[in-house]
Amino acid sequence: MPVPYSVIATLPDEPTRDEYVAWLLDGHLAGVLRGGVFPTPESFLAYLADYAPPPRGDGLARFGACVMFAGRVGAVLVGPGADA
């Protein structure tokens, strides 16, 4: 089952928000999506180790002084008798 992952960025003001959204749309999101879907926890850990450091470093270099980032990893829960 895929591994859900999200990043929440808390931005201090509208100018920073506008710059951050432009950065996301101007290539960061496309780069993250090239990393693929994470079908297993192991593939997600491999992504974090092998692919994530450069885009993370770029985001921290651009916004680390004023933006708070929080990553979240979840799990998909399927109840008894539910279709997976």
N, C-alpha and C. Protein backbone atom coordinates (compact mmCIF):
# COMPACT_ATOMS: atom_id res chain seq x y z
N MET A 1 0.85 -1.17 0.00
CA MET A 1 0.00 0.00 0.00
C MET A 1 0.90 1.24 0.00
N PRO A 2 0.59 2.27 -0.80
CA PRO A 2 1.44 3.46 -0.85
C PRO A 2 1.61 4.12 0.52
N VAL A 3 2.73 4.80 0.65
CA VAL A 3 3.06 5.51 1.89
C VAL A 3 2.66 6.98 1.72
N PRO A 4 1.65 7.47 2.46
CA PRO A 4 1.27 8.88 2.38
C PRO A 4 2.32 9.76 3.06
N TYR A 5 2.68 10.84 2.38
CA TYR A 5 3.70 11.75 2.90
C TYR A 5 3.30 13.17 2.57
N SER A 6 3.45 14.07 3.52
CA SER A 6 3.15 15.48 3.26
C SER A 6 4.14 16.36 4.00
N VAL A 7 4.29 17.56 3.49
CA VAL A 7 5.10 18.57 4.15
C VAL A 7 4.22 19.78 4.38
N ILE A 8 4.23 20.28 5.59
CA ILE A 8 3.49 21.49 5.92
C ILE A 8 4.50 22.60 6.14
N ALA A 9 4.31 23.70 5.44
CA ALA A 9 5.18 24.86 5.58
C ALA A 9 4.38 25.99 6.22
N THR A 10 4.89 26.51 7.31
CA THR A 10 4.27 27.66 7.97
C THR A 10 5.04 28.90 7.55
N LEU A 11 4.35 29.80 6.87
CA LEU A 11 4.98 30.97 6.24
C LEU A 11 4.67 32.23 7.05
N PRO A 12 5.65 33.14 7.18
CA PRO A 12 5.47 34.29 8.06
C PRO A 12 4.64 35.43 7.49
N ASP A 13 4.54 35.50 6.14
CA ASP A 13 3.84 36.65 5.55
C ASP A 13 3.50 36.35 4.09
N GLU A 14 2.72 37.26 3.49
CA GLU A 14 2.28 37.06 2.11
C GLU A 14 3.42 37.10 1.10
N PRO A 15 4.40 38.01 1.21
CA PRO A 15 5.49 37.99 0.24
C PRO A 15 6.27 36.66 0.26
N THR A 16 6.50 36.12 1.44
CA THR A 16 7.18 34.84 1.55
C THR A 16 6.31 33.74 0.96
N ARG A 17 5.01 33.79 1.24
CA ARG A 17 4.08 32.82 0.66
C ARG A 17 4.15 32.85 -0.86
N ASP A 18 4.12 34.04 -1.44
CA ASP A 18 4.16 34.16 -2.90
C ASP A 18 5.46 33.60 -3.46
N GLU A 19 6.57 33.89 -2.81
CA GLU A 19 7.87 33.38 -3.26
C GLU A 19 7.92 31.85 -3.13
N TYR A 20 7.40 31.34 -2.02
CA TYR A 20 7.40 29.90 -1.77
C TYR A 20 6.54 29.17 -2.80
N VAL A 21 5.34 29.66 -3.07
CA VAL A 21 4.46 29.03 -4.05
C VAL A 21 5.10 29.07 -5.44
N ALA A 22 5.71 30.19 -5.80
CA ALA A 22 6.39 30.28 -7.09
C ALA A 22 7.50 29.24 -7.19
N TRP A 23 8.27 29.07 -6.11
CA TRP A 23 9.34 28.07 -6.09
C TRP A 23 8.77 26.66 -6.26
N LEU A 24 7.66 26.38 -5.57
CA LEU A 24 7.03 25.06 -5.71
C LEU A 24 6.62 24.82 -7.16
N LEU A 25 5.96 25.79 -7.76
CA LEU A 25 5.42 25.63 -9.11
C LEU A 25 6.48 25.71 -10.20
N ASP A 26 7.60 26.36 -9.91
CA ASP A 26 8.65 26.52 -10.92
C ASP A 26 9.62 25.35 -10.96
N GLY A 27 9.26 24.24 -10.38
CA GLY A 27 10.11 23.07 -10.54
C GLY A 27 10.23 22.15 -9.34
N HIS A 28 10.08 22.69 -8.13
CA HIS A 28 10.27 21.83 -6.97
C HIS A 28 9.28 20.66 -6.95
N LEU A 29 8.00 20.95 -7.15
CA LEU A 29 7.01 19.87 -7.11
C LEU A 29 7.24 18.85 -8.21
N ALA A 30 7.58 19.31 -9.41
CA ALA A 30 7.86 18.37 -10.51
C ALA A 30 9.04 17.47 -10.14
N GLY A 31 10.05 18.04 -9.50
CA GLY A 31 11.19 17.24 -9.07
C GLY A 31 10.81 16.21 -8.04
N VAL A 32 9.98 16.59 -7.10
CA VAL A 32 9.53 15.65 -6.07
C VAL A 32 8.74 14.52 -6.73
N LEU A 33 7.86 14.86 -7.66
CA LEU A 33 7.05 13.84 -8.31
C LEU A 33 7.90 12.89 -9.15
N ARG A 34 9.03 13.36 -9.68
CA ARG A 34 9.94 12.47 -10.40
C ARG A 34 10.50 11.39 -9.47
N GLY A 35 10.49 11.67 -8.16
CA GLY A 35 10.94 10.68 -7.20
C GLY A 35 10.02 9.48 -7.12
N GLY A 36 8.81 9.62 -7.62
CA GLY A 36 7.89 8.50 -7.71
C GLY A 36 6.97 8.34 -6.52
N VAL A 37 6.12 7.33 -6.64
CA VAL A 37 5.20 6.95 -5.58
C VAL A 37 5.95 5.97 -4.69
N PHE A 38 5.64 5.98 -3.43
CA PHE A 38 6.34 5.13 -2.48
C PHE A 38 5.44 3.95 -2.12
N PRO A 39 5.60 2.82 -2.81
CA PRO A 39 4.70 1.70 -2.54
C PRO A 39 4.98 0.98 -1.22
N THR A 40 6.17 1.18 -0.68
CA THR A 40 6.52 0.52 0.58
C THR A 40 7.28 1.50 1.47
N PRO A 41 7.30 1.26 2.77
CA PRO A 41 8.12 2.09 3.64
C PRO A 41 9.60 2.09 3.23
N GLU A 42 10.08 0.96 2.73
CA GLU A 42 11.48 0.88 2.30
C GLU A 42 11.76 1.79 1.11
N SER A 43 10.81 1.87 0.16
CA SER A 43 11.01 2.76 -1.00
C SER A 43 10.98 4.22 -0.56
N PHE A 44 10.16 4.54 0.43
CA PHE A 44 10.12 5.90 0.95
C PHE A 44 11.45 6.25 1.62
N LEU A 45 11.98 5.33 2.41
CA LEU A 45 13.28 5.57 3.06
C LEU A 45 14.39 5.72 2.02
N ALA A 46 14.33 4.94 0.95
CA ALA A 46 15.32 5.07 -0.13
C ALA A 46 15.20 6.44 -0.79
N TYR A 47 13.97 6.91 -1.00
CA TYR A 47 13.75 8.26 -1.55
C TYR A 47 14.39 9.31 -0.64
N LEU A 48 14.13 9.20 0.66
CA LEU A 48 14.69 10.18 1.60
C LEU A 48 16.21 10.17 1.57
N ALA A 49 16.81 9.00 1.46
CA ALA A 49 18.26 8.89 1.48
C ALA A 49 18.90 9.31 0.16
N ASP A 50 18.29 8.92 -0.96
CA ASP A 50 18.94 9.06 -2.26
C ASP A 50 18.48 10.27 -3.08
N TYR A 51 17.26 10.69 -2.92
CA TYR A 51 16.72 11.72 -3.79
C TYR A 51 16.39 13.03 -3.07
N ALA A 52 15.92 12.95 -1.85
CA ALA A 52 15.40 14.12 -1.15
C ALA A 52 16.45 15.14 -0.71
N PRO A 53 17.69 14.76 -0.40
CA PRO A 53 18.61 15.78 0.13
C PRO A 53 18.81 17.04 -0.73
N PRO A 54 19.00 16.94 -2.06
CA PRO A 54 19.18 18.19 -2.82
C PRO A 54 17.96 19.11 -2.79
N PRO A 55 16.72 18.62 -3.07
CA PRO A 55 15.60 19.56 -3.01
C PRO A 55 15.33 20.08 -1.60
N ARG A 56 15.56 19.23 -0.59
CA ARG A 56 15.40 19.71 0.79
C ARG A 56 16.41 20.81 1.09
N GLY A 57 17.64 20.58 0.67
CA GLY A 57 18.68 21.58 0.90
C GLY A 57 18.36 22.90 0.21
N ASP A 58 17.82 22.82 -1.01
CA ASP A 58 17.45 24.03 -1.73
C ASP A 58 16.36 24.79 -0.98
N GLY A 59 15.35 24.07 -0.51
CA GLY A 59 14.27 24.72 0.25
C GLY A 59 14.78 25.35 1.53
N LEU A 60 15.65 24.64 2.24
CA LEU A 60 16.20 25.20 3.48
C LEU A 60 17.08 26.41 3.20
N ALA A 61 17.86 26.36 2.12
CA ALA A 61 18.72 27.50 1.78
C ALA A 61 17.88 28.73 1.44
N ARG A 62 16.77 28.52 0.74
CA ARG A 62 15.92 29.64 0.33
C ARG A 62 15.04 30.16 1.46
N PHE A 63 14.50 29.23 2.26
CA PHE A 63 13.44 29.62 3.19
C PHE A 63 13.68 29.22 4.63
N GLY A 64 14.77 28.54 4.92
CA GLY A 64 14.98 27.98 6.25
C GLY A 64 15.02 28.98 7.38
N ALA A 65 15.41 30.21 7.08
CA ALA A 65 15.50 31.22 8.14
C ALA A 65 14.13 31.74 8.57
N CYS A 66 13.10 31.58 7.71
CA CYS A 66 11.82 32.19 8.05
C CYS A 66 10.62 31.27 7.92
N VAL A 67 10.82 30.06 7.40
CA VAL A 67 9.71 29.13 7.21
C VAL A 67 9.93 27.91 8.10
N MET A 68 8.86 27.47 8.75
CA MET A 68 8.94 26.26 9.56
C MET A 68 8.35 25.11 8.73
N PHE A 69 9.13 24.03 8.59
CA PHE A 69 8.70 22.86 7.83
C PHE A 69 8.40 21.72 8.79
N ALA A 70 7.35 20.97 8.50
CA ALA A 70 7.03 19.77 9.26
C ALA A 70 6.62 18.68 8.28
N GLY A 71 7.36 17.58 8.27
CA GLY A 71 7.03 16.45 7.43
C GLY A 71 6.16 15.46 8.18
N ARG A 72 5.26 14.84 7.47
CA ARG A 72 4.36 13.87 8.08
C ARG A 72 4.33 12.61 7.21
N VAL A 73 4.46 11.48 7.85
CA VAL A 73 4.33 10.19 7.19
C VAL A 73 3.16 9.48 7.82
N GLY A 74 2.30 8.93 7.00
CA GLY A 74 1.12 8.27 7.54
C GLY A 74 1.06 6.80 7.16
N ALA A 75 -0.03 6.21 7.47
CA ALA A 75 -0.31 4.84 7.10
C ALA A 75 -1.76 4.76 6.68
N VAL A 76 -2.02 3.97 5.68
CA VAL A 76 -3.39 3.76 5.24
C VAL A 76 -3.93 2.57 6.01
N LEU A 77 -5.02 2.79 6.72
CA LEU A 77 -5.63 1.74 7.52
C LEU A 77 -6.87 1.23 6.80
N VAL A 78 -6.95 -0.05 6.68
CA VAL A 78 -8.09 -0.69 6.04
C VAL A 78 -8.76 -1.57 7.06
N GLY A 79 -10.03 -1.35 7.30
CA GLY A 79 -10.75 -2.12 8.29
C GLY A 79 -11.07 -3.54 7.82
N PRO A 80 -11.45 -4.40 8.75
CA PRO A 80 -11.80 -5.78 8.40
C PRO A 80 -12.95 -5.80 7.41
N GLY A 81 -12.80 -6.64 6.41
CA GLY A 81 -13.85 -6.80 5.40
C GLY A 81 -13.86 -5.72 4.34
N ALA A 82 -13.00 -4.70 4.47
CA ALA A 82 -12.97 -3.63 3.46
C ALA A 82 -12.13 -4.07 2.29
N ASP A 83 -12.47 -3.59 1.12
CA ASP A 83 -11.66 -3.85 -0.07
C ASP A 83 -10.40 -3.03 0.01
N ALA A 84 -9.26 -3.65 -0.22
CA ALA A 84 -7.97 -2.93 -0.17
C ALA A 84 -7.61 -2.38 -1.52
